[in-house]
Amino acid sequence: MAKKKVGQKQSAQPKLAQEKAPTLQDQLGGDVLAKLKATKQALVDKEQAAEDERLAKLVFERKQREKNMSFEELLEQYGDKGSKF
C-alpha cells in the first residue's frame, strides 16, 4: 500500500495574492465616487417615477374603459360577482 505523507503543509497561495489589490474606490477620487453614487441614485429615482407613472396610466385607462362600457358589457364581465342584496 502507498503511504500518504502527513505533516507537510502546502503553501499554495503566493505572497502576491495575500496583498490587497487596489480597488476602484481607491483608484478614484472621493469626489468622482460621490458623483457616480449621486448619478446612480438619480437614475434609480427616475426609473421609480417612470414605473409609478406607468402604473397610474394603466389604472386610469382601465377606469376609462369601464366608464365607456355599456350595461350589457358590464353585466357580462361582472355577472354574478356582485352581492345579492
PDB file of N, CA and C in Angstrom:
ATOM      1  N   MET A   1       0.819  -1.170   0.000  1.00  0.00           N
ATOM      2  CA  MET A   1       0.000   0.000   0.000  1.00  0.00           C
ATOM      3  C   MET A   1       0.874   1.249   0.000  1.00  0.00           C
ATOM      4  N   ALA A   2       0.330   2.262  -0.613  1.00  0.00           N
ATOM      5  CA  ALA A   2       1.070   3.511  -0.676  1.00  0.00           C
ATOM      6  C   ALA A   2       0.798   4.311   0.586  1.00  0.00           C
ATOM      7  N   LYS A   3       1.847   4.865   1.141  1.00  0.00           N
ATOM      8  CA  LYS A   3       1.700   5.659   2.354  1.00  0.00           C
ATOM      9  C   LYS A   3       1.537   7.121   1.980  1.00  0.00           C
ATOM     10  N   LYS A   4       0.639   7.776   2.703  1.00  0.00           N
ATOM     11  CA  LYS A   4       0.419   9.201   2.477  1.00  0.00           C
ATOM     12  C   LYS A   4       1.388   9.992   3.345  1.00  0.00           C
ATOM     13  N   LYS A   5       1.862  11.064   2.803  1.00  0.00           N
ATOM     14  CA  LYS A   5       2.749  11.929   3.574  1.00  0.00           C
ATOM     15  C   LYS A   5       1.913  12.851   4.429  1.00  0.00           C
ATOM     16  N   VAL A   6       2.105  12.755   5.696  1.00  0.00           N
ATOM     17  CA  VAL A   6       1.369  13.575   6.635  1.00  0.00           C
ATOM     18  C   VAL A   6       2.345  14.550   7.265  1.00  0.00           C
ATOM     19  N   GLY A   7       1.877  15.758   7.490  1.00  0.00           N
ATOM     20  CA  GLY A   7       2.727  16.713   8.167  1.00  0.00           C
ATOM     21  C   GLY A   7       3.325  17.740   7.251  1.00  0.00           C
ATOM     22  N   GLN A   8       3.249  17.551   5.958  1.00  0.00           N
ATOM     23  CA  GLN A   8       3.767  18.568   5.049  1.00  0.00           C
ATOM     24  C   GLN A   8       2.663  19.568   4.745  1.00  0.00           C
ATOM     25  N   LYS A   9       2.962  20.803   4.932  1.00  0.00           N
ATOM     26  CA  LYS A   9       1.998  21.856   4.636  1.00  0.00           C
ATOM     27  C   LYS A   9       2.328  22.445   3.278  1.00  0.00           C
ATOM     28  N   GLN A  10       1.261  22.677   2.533  1.00  0.00           N
ATOM     29  CA  GLN A  10       1.467  23.263   1.213  1.00  0.00           C
ATOM     30  C   GLN A  10       1.102  24.741   1.276  1.00  0.00           C
ATOM     31  N   SER A  11       1.964  25.550   0.755  1.00  0.00           N
ATOM     32  CA  SER A  11       1.680  26.979   0.678  1.00  0.00           C
ATOM     33  C   SER A  11       1.302  27.296  -0.769  1.00  0.00           C
ATOM     34  N   ALA A  12       0.036  27.082  -1.080  1.00  0.00           N
ATOM     35  CA  ALA A  12      -0.440  27.249  -2.445  1.00  0.00           C
ATOM     36  C   ALA A  12      -0.643  28.714  -2.802  1.00  0.00           C
ATOM     37  N   GLN A  13      -0.859  29.548  -1.815  1.00  0.00           N
ATOM     38  CA  GLN A  13      -1.124  30.946  -2.101  1.00  0.00           C
ATOM     39  C   GLN A  13       0.185  31.733  -2.113  1.00  0.00           C
ATOM     40  N   PRO A  14       0.489  32.311  -3.239  1.00  0.00           N
ATOM     41  CA  PRO A  14       1.705  33.134  -3.291  1.00  0.00           C
ATOM     42  C   PRO A  14       1.497  34.434  -2.516  1.00  0.00           C
ATOM     43  N   LYS A  15       2.575  35.095  -2.248  1.00  0.00           N
ATOM     44  CA  LYS A  15       2.521  36.324  -1.462  1.00  0.00           C
ATOM     45  C   LYS A  15       1.746  37.428  -2.176  1.00  0.00           C
ATOM     46  N   LEU A  16       1.739  37.425  -3.492  1.00  0.00           N
ATOM     47  CA  LEU A  16       1.026  38.457  -4.236  1.00  0.00           C
ATOM     48  C   LEU A  16      -0.490  38.370  -4.016  1.00  0.00           C
ATOM     49  N   ALA A  17      -1.011  37.178  -3.869  1.00  0.00           N
ATOM     50  CA  ALA A  17      -2.442  37.019  -3.670  1.00  0.00           C
ATOM     51  C   ALA A  17      -2.850  37.502  -2.279  1.00  0.00           C
ATOM     52  N   GLN A  18      -1.936  37.446  -1.339  1.00  0.00           N
ATOM     53  CA  GLN A  18      -2.244  37.865   0.015  1.00  0.00           C
ATOM     54  C   GLN A  18      -2.313  39.379   0.134  1.00  0.00           C
ATOM     55  N   GLU A  19      -1.567  40.068  -0.687  1.00  0.00           N
ATOM     56  CA  GLU A  19      -1.602  41.523  -0.670  1.00  0.00           C
ATOM     57  C   GLU A  19      -2.905  41.996  -1.321  1.00  0.00           C
ATOM     58  N   LYS A  20      -3.467  43.046  -0.787  1.00  0.00           N
ATOM     59  CA  LYS A  20      -4.712  43.573  -1.346  1.00  0.00           C
ATOM     60  C   LYS A  20      -4.410  44.378  -2.604  1.00  0.00           C
ATOM     61  N   ALA A  21      -5.166  44.085  -3.636  1.00  0.00           N
ATOM     62  CA  ALA A  21      -5.037  44.848  -4.867  1.00  0.00           C
ATOM     63  C   ALA A  21      -5.813  46.149  -4.686  1.00  0.00           C
ATOM     64  N   PRO A  22      -5.383  47.218  -5.301  1.00  0.00           N
ATOM     65  CA  PRO A  22      -6.113  48.480  -5.161  1.00  0.00           C
ATOM     66  C   PRO A  22      -7.507  48.346  -5.782  1.00  0.00           C
ATOM     67  N   THR A  23      -8.499  48.820  -5.068  1.00  0.00           N
ATOM     68  CA  THR A  23      -9.871  48.735  -5.548  1.00  0.00           C
ATOM     69  C   THR A  23     -10.201  49.958  -6.385  1.00  0.00           C
ATOM     70  N   LEU A  24     -11.335  49.893  -7.016  1.00  0.00           N
ATOM     71  CA  LEU A  24     -11.782  51.019  -7.834  1.00  0.00           C
ATOM     72  C   LEU A  24     -12.004  52.256  -6.967  1.00  0.00           C
ATOM     73  N   GLN A  25     -12.496  52.032  -5.761  1.00  0.00           N
ATOM     74  CA  GLN A  25     -12.719  53.142  -4.832  1.00  0.00           C
ATOM     75  C   GLN A  25     -11.394  53.812  -4.476  1.00  0.00           C
ATOM     76  N   ASP A  26     -10.350  53.013  -4.306  1.00  0.00           N
ATOM     77  CA  ASP A  26      -9.039  53.575  -4.005  1.00  0.00           C
ATOM     78  C   ASP A  26      -8.479  54.359  -5.186  1.00  0.00           C
ATOM     79  N   GLN A  27      -8.748  53.864  -6.383  1.00  0.00           N
ATOM     80  CA  GLN A  27      -8.191  54.497  -7.575  1.00  0.00           C
ATOM     81  C   GLN A  27      -8.916  55.803  -7.921  1.00  0.00           C
ATOM     82  N   LEU A  28     -10.231  55.833  -7.681  1.00  0.00           N
ATOM     83  CA  LEU A  28     -10.983  57.043  -7.989  1.00  0.00           C
ATOM     84  C   LEU A  28     -10.890  58.022  -6.829  1.00  0.00           C
ATOM     85  N   GLY A  29     -11.005  59.266  -7.140  1.00  0.00           N
ATOM     86  CA  GLY A  29     -11.029  60.273  -6.086  1.00  0.00           C
ATOM     87  C   GLY A  29     -12.377  60.248  -5.384  1.00  0.00           C
ATOM     88  N   GLY A  30     -12.440  60.796  -4.197  1.00  0.00           N
ATOM     89  CA  GLY A  30     -13.673  60.815  -3.425  1.00  0.00           C
ATOM     90  C   GLY A  30     -14.789  61.585  -4.104  1.00  0.00           C
ATOM     91  N   ASP A  31     -14.439  62.679  -4.786  1.00  0.00           N
ATOM     92  CA  ASP A  31     -15.467  63.474  -5.447  1.00  0.00           C
ATOM     93  C   ASP A  31     -16.052  62.746  -6.654  1.00  0.00           C
ATOM     94  N   VAL A  32     -15.231  62.007  -7.376  1.00  0.00           N
ATOM     95  CA  VAL A  32     -15.711  61.255  -8.534  1.00  0.00           C
ATOM     96  C   VAL A  32     -16.641  60.139  -8.069  1.00  0.00           C
ATOM     97  N   LEU A  33     -16.274  59.471  -7.003  1.00  0.00           N
ATOM     98  CA  LEU A  33     -17.101  58.409  -6.453  1.00  0.00           C
ATOM     99  C   LEU A  33     -18.440  58.958  -5.963  1.00  0.00           C
ATOM    100  N   ALA A  34     -18.411  60.121  -5.341  1.00  0.00           N
ATOM    101  CA  ALA A  34     -19.644  60.748  -4.869  1.00  0.00           C
ATOM    102  C   ALA A  34     -20.545  61.123  -6.046  1.00  0.00           C
ATOM    103  N   LYS A  35     -19.953  61.614  -7.131  1.00  0.00           N
ATOM    104  CA  LYS A  35     -20.733  61.960  -8.317  1.00  0.00           C
ATOM    105  C   LYS A  35     -21.365  60.711  -8.933  1.00  0.00           C
ATOM    106  N   LEU A  36     -20.607  59.608  -8.966  1.00  0.00           N
ATOM    107  CA  LEU A  36     -21.151  58.363  -9.504  1.00  0.00           C
ATOM    108  C   LEU A  36     -22.312  57.854  -8.659  1.00  0.00           C
ATOM    109  N   LYS A  37     -22.177  57.933  -7.353  1.00  0.00           N
ATOM    110  CA  LYS A  37     -23.259  57.495  -6.469  1.00  0.00           C
ATOM    111  C   LYS A  37     -24.491  58.382  -6.633  1.00  0.00           C
ATOM    112  N   ALA A  38     -24.286  59.680  -6.770  1.00  0.00           N
ATOM    113  CA  ALA A  38     -25.403  60.607  -6.954  1.00  0.00           C
ATOM    114  C   ALA A  38     -26.106  60.334  -8.287  1.00  0.00           C
ATOM    115  N   THR A  39     -25.339  60.067  -9.321  1.00  0.00           N
ATOM    116  CA  THR A  39     -25.908  59.755 -10.627  1.00  0.00           C
ATOM    117  C   THR A  39     -26.703  58.459 -10.572  1.00  0.00           C
ATOM    118  N   LYS A  40     -26.165  57.479  -9.882  1.00  0.00           N
ATOM    119  CA  LYS A  40     -26.866  56.199  -9.738  1.00  0.00           C
ATOM    120  C   LYS A  40     -28.190  56.408  -9.005  1.00  0.00           C
ATOM    121  N   GLN A  41     -28.182  57.176  -7.941  1.00  0.00           N
ATOM    122  CA  GLN A  41     -29.404  57.440  -7.183  1.00  0.00           C
ATOM    123  C   GLN A  41     -30.423  58.191  -8.036  1.00  0.00           C
ATOM    124  N   ALA A  42     -29.943  59.137  -8.848  1.00  0.00           N
ATOM    125  CA  ALA A  42     -30.841  59.885  -9.723  1.00  0.00           C
ATOM    126  C   ALA A  42     -31.491  58.950 -10.748  1.00  0.00           C
ATOM    127  N   LEU A  43     -30.723  58.024 -11.292  1.00  0.00           N
ATOM    128  CA  LEU A  43     -31.277  57.067 -12.252  1.00  0.00           C
ATOM    129  C   LEU A  43     -32.302  56.151 -11.593  1.00  0.00           C
ATOM    130  N   VAL A  44     -32.025  55.705 -10.383  1.00  0.00           N
ATOM    131  CA  VAL A  44     -32.967  54.850  -9.658  1.00  0.00           C
ATOM    132  C   VAL A  44     -34.258  55.610  -9.396  1.00  0.00           C
ATOM    133  N   ASP A  45     -34.147  56.874  -8.978  1.00  0.00           N
ATOM    134  CA  ASP A  45     -35.327  57.700  -8.726  1.00  0.00           C
ATOM    135  C   ASP A  45     -36.137  57.912 -10.011  1.00  0.00           C
ATOM    136  N   LYS A  46     -35.426  58.152 -11.106  1.00  0.00           N
ATOM    137  CA  LYS A  46     -36.088  58.377 -12.389  1.00  0.00           C
ATOM    138  C   LYS A  46     -36.832  57.119 -12.839  1.00  0.00           C
ATOM    139  N   GLU A  47     -36.208  55.952 -12.681  1.00  0.00           N
ATOM    140  CA  GLU A  47     -36.855  54.700 -13.052  1.00  0.00           C
ATOM    141  C   GLU A  47     -38.081  54.437 -12.181  1.00  0.00           C
ATOM    142  N   GLN A  48     -37.989  54.736 -10.894  1.00  0.00           N
ATOM    143  CA  GLN A  48     -39.116  54.541  -9.985  1.00  0.00           C
ATOM    144  C   GLN A  48     -40.268  55.470 -10.357  1.00  0.00           C
ATOM    145  N   ALA A  49     -39.959  56.713 -10.695  1.00  0.00           N
ATOM    146  CA  ALA A  49     -41.001  57.657 -11.095  1.00  0.00           C
ATOM    147  C   ALA A  49     -41.670  57.201 -12.393  1.00  0.00           C
ATOM    148  N   ALA A  50     -40.889  56.691 -13.330  1.00  0.00           N
ATOM    149  CA  ALA A  50     -41.452  56.201 -14.588  1.00  0.00           C
ATOM    150  C   ALA A  50     -42.360  54.999 -14.342  1.00  0.00           C
ATOM    151  N   GLU A  51     -41.958  54.111 -13.453  1.00  0.00           N
ATOM    152  CA  GLU A  51     -42.774  52.941 -13.125  1.00  0.00           C
ATOM    153  C   GLU A  51     -44.077  53.361 -12.456  1.00  0.00           C
ATOM    154  N   ASP A  52     -44.007  54.315 -11.533  1.00  0.00           N
ATOM    155  CA  ASP A  52     -45.211  54.818 -10.870  1.00  0.00           C
ATOM    156  C   ASP A  52     -46.163  55.461 -11.881  1.00  0.00           C
ATOM    157  N   GLU A  53     -45.593  56.213 -12.801  1.00  0.00           N
ATOM    158  CA  GLU A  53     -46.410  56.864 -13.823  1.00  0.00           C
ATOM    159  C   GLU A  53     -47.066  55.829 -14.728  1.00  0.00           C
ATOM    160  N   ARG A  54     -46.336  54.792 -15.083  1.00  0.00           N
ATOM    161  CA  ARG A  54     -46.877  53.742 -15.945  1.00  0.00           C
ATOM    162  C   ARG A  54     -48.047  53.039 -15.259  1.00  0.00           C
ATOM    163  N   LEU A  55     -47.905  52.730 -13.966  1.00  0.00           N
ATOM    164  CA  LEU A  55     -48.974  52.066 -13.227  1.00  0.00           C
ATOM    165  C   LEU A  55     -50.208  52.967 -13.099  1.00  0.00           C
ATOM    166  N   ALA A  56     -49.982  54.242 -12.849  1.00  0.00           N
ATOM    167  CA  ALA A  56     -51.099  55.177 -12.749  1.00  0.00           C
ATOM    168  C   ALA A  56     -51.832  55.288 -14.088  1.00  0.00           C
ATOM    169  N   LYS A  57     -51.083  55.283 -15.173  1.00  0.00           N
ATOM    170  CA  LYS A  57     -51.683  55.356 -16.502  1.00  0.00           C
ATOM    171  C   LYS A  57     -52.527  54.114 -16.778  1.00  0.00           C
ATOM    172  N   LEU A  58     -52.047  52.942 -16.377  1.00  0.00           N
ATOM    173  CA  LEU A  58     -52.808  51.710 -16.569  1.00  0.00           C
ATOM    174  C   LEU A  58     -54.118  51.742 -15.788  1.00  0.00           C
ATOM    175  N   VAL A  59     -54.061  52.212 -14.548  1.00  0.00           N
ATOM    176  CA  VAL A  59     -55.272  52.314 -13.731  1.00  0.00           C
ATOM    177  C   VAL A  59     -56.264  53.283 -14.374  1.00  0.00           C
ATOM    178  N   PHE A  60     -55.769  54.423 -14.824  1.00  0.00           N
ATOM    179  CA  PHE A  60     -56.625  55.419 -15.454  1.00  0.00           C
ATOM    180  C   PHE A  60     -57.284  54.854 -16.719  1.00  0.00           C
ATOM    181  N   GLU A  61     -56.505  54.162 -17.550  1.00  0.00           N
ATOM    182  CA  GLU A  61     -57.047  53.595 -18.786  1.00  0.00           C
ATOM    183  C   GLU A  61     -58.097  52.528 -18.489  1.00  0.00           C
ATOM    184  N   ARG A  62     -57.875  51.717 -17.452  1.00  0.00           N
ATOM    185  CA  ARG A  62     -58.846  50.683 -17.082  1.00  0.00           C
ATOM    186  C   ARG A  62     -60.158  51.332 -16.641  1.00  0.00           C
ATOM    187  N   LYS A  63     -60.056  52.394 -15.844  1.00  0.00           N
ATOM    188  CA  LYS A  63     -61.255  53.090 -15.388  1.00  0.00           C
ATOM    189  C   LYS A  63     -61.993  53.735 -16.566  1.00  0.00           C
ATOM    190  N   GLN A  64     -61.257  54.266 -17.518  1.00  0.00           N
ATOM    191  CA  GLN A  64     -61.886  54.876 -18.686  1.00  0.00           C
ATOM    192  C   GLN A  64     -62.598  53.827 -19.534  1.00  0.00           C
ATOM    193  N   ARG A  65     -61.993  52.641 -19.684  1.00  0.00           N
ATOM    194  CA  ARG A  65     -62.645  51.573 -20.442  1.00  0.00           C
ATOM    195  C   ARG A  65     -63.938  51.142 -19.758  1.00  0.00           C
ATOM    196  N   GLU A  66     -63.880  50.991 -18.421  1.00  0.00           N
ATOM    197  CA  GLU A  66     -65.089  50.609 -17.681  1.00  0.00           C
ATOM    198  C   GLU A  66     -66.153  51.702 -17.787  1.00  0.00           C
ATOM    199  N   LYS A  67     -65.733  52.932 -17.769  1.00  0.00           N
ATOM    200  CA  LYS A  67     -66.658  54.058 -17.835  1.00  0.00           C
ATOM    201  C   LYS A  67     -67.395  54.054 -19.169  1.00  0.00           C
ATOM    202  N   ASN A  68     -66.708  53.650 -20.217  1.00  0.00           N
ATOM    203  CA  ASN A  68     -67.297  53.671 -21.554  1.00  0.00           C
ATOM    204  C   ASN A  68     -68.016  52.374 -21.924  1.00  0.00           C
ATOM    205  N   MET A  69     -68.034  51.387 -21.029  1.00  0.00           N
ATOM    206  CA  MET A  69     -68.723  50.129 -21.311  1.00  0.00           C
ATOM    207  C   MET A  69     -70.234  50.317 -21.200  1.00  0.00           C
ATOM    208  N   SER A  70     -70.925  49.536 -22.003  1.00  0.00           N
ATOM    209  CA  SER A  70     -72.381  49.550 -21.897  1.00  0.00           C
ATOM    210  C   SER A  70     -72.798  48.664 -20.725  1.00  0.00           C
ATOM    211  N   PHE A  71     -74.072  48.764 -20.372  1.00  0.00           N
ATOM    212  CA  PHE A  71     -74.569  47.951 -19.255  1.00  0.00           C
ATOM    213  C   PHE A  71     -74.417  46.470 -19.568  1.00  0.00           C
ATOM    214  N   GLU A  72     -74.651  46.094 -20.811  1.00  0.00           N
ATOM    215  CA  GLU A  72     -74.539  44.690 -21.217  1.00  0.00           C
ATOM    216  C   GLU A  72     -73.108  44.176 -21.049  1.00  0.00           C
ATOM    217  N   GLU A  73     -72.142  44.984 -21.450  1.00  0.00           N
ATOM    218  CA  GLU A  73     -70.736  44.584 -21.308  1.00  0.00           C
ATOM    219  C   GLU A  73     -70.339  44.452 -19.838  1.00  0.00           C
ATOM    220  N   LEU A  74     -70.806  45.376 -19.010  1.00  0.00           N
ATOM    221  CA  LEU A  74     -70.520  45.298 -17.575  1.00  0.00           C
ATOM    222  C   LEU A  74     -71.156  44.058 -16.958  1.00  0.00           C
ATOM    223  N   LEU A  75     -72.387  43.740 -17.366  1.00  0.00           N
ATOM    224  CA  LEU A  75     -73.076  42.570 -16.848  1.00  0.00           C
ATOM    225  C   LEU A  75     -72.348  41.286 -17.252  1.00  0.00           C
ATOM    226  N   GLU A  76     -71.852  41.245 -18.500  1.00  0.00           N
ATOM    227  CA  GLU A  76     -71.099  40.074 -18.957  1.00  0.00           C
ATOM    228  C   GLU A  76     -69.792  39.931 -18.178  1.00  0.00           C
ATOM    229  N   GLN A  77     -69.142  41.050 -17.910  1.00  0.00           N
ATOM    230  CA  GLN A  77     -67.847  40.994 -17.239  1.00  0.00           C
ATOM    231  C   GLN A  77     -67.986  40.632 -15.765  1.00  0.00           C
ATOM    232  N   TYR A  78     -68.922  41.266 -15.073  1.00  0.00           N
ATOM    233  CA  TYR A  78     -69.029  41.060 -13.632  1.00  0.00           C
ATOM    234  C   TYR A  78     -70.116  40.086 -13.241  1.00  0.00           C
ATOM    235  N   GLY A  79     -71.134  39.930 -14.026  1.00  0.00           N
ATOM    236  CA  GLY A  79     -72.189  38.953 -13.851  1.00  0.00           C
ATOM    237  C   GLY A  79     -72.657  38.763 -12.421  1.00  0.00           C
ATOM    238  N   ASP A  80     -72.472  37.560 -11.894  1.00  0.00           N
ATOM    239  CA  ASP A  80     -72.945  37.205 -10.560  1.00  0.00           C
ATOM    240  C   ASP A  80     -71.918  37.494  -9.470  1.00  0.00           C
ATOM    241  N   LYS A  81     -70.938  38.280  -9.742  1.00  0.00           N
ATOM    242  CA  LYS A  81     -69.898  38.555  -8.744  1.00  0.00           C
ATOM    243  C   LYS A  81     -70.348  39.551  -7.683  1.00  0.00           C
ATOM    244  N   GLY A  82     -71.432  40.273  -7.946  1.00  0.00           N
ATOM    245  CA  GLY A  82     -71.912  41.280  -7.012  1.00  0.00           C
ATOM    246  C   GLY A  82     -72.635  40.654  -5.840  1.00  0.00           C
ATOM    247  N   SER A  83     -72.996  41.473  -4.860  1.00  0.00           N
ATOM    248  CA  SER A  83     -73.732  40.971  -3.706  1.00  0.00           C
ATOM    249  C   SER A  83     -75.175  40.721  -4.099  1.00  0.00           C
ATOM    250  N   LYS A  84     -75.858  39.901  -3.349  1.00  0.00           N
ATOM    251  CA  LYS A  84     -77.243  39.536  -3.661  1.00  0.00           C
ATOM    252  C   LYS A  84     -78.244  40.480  -3.031  1.00  0.00           C
ATOM    253  N   PHE A  85     -77.799  41.457  -2.291  1.00  0.00           N
ATOM    254  CA  PHE A  85     -78.720  42.349  -1.603  1.00  0.00           C
ATOM    255  C   PHE A  85     -78.815  43.661  -2.315  1.00  0.00           C
TER     256      PHE A  85
END
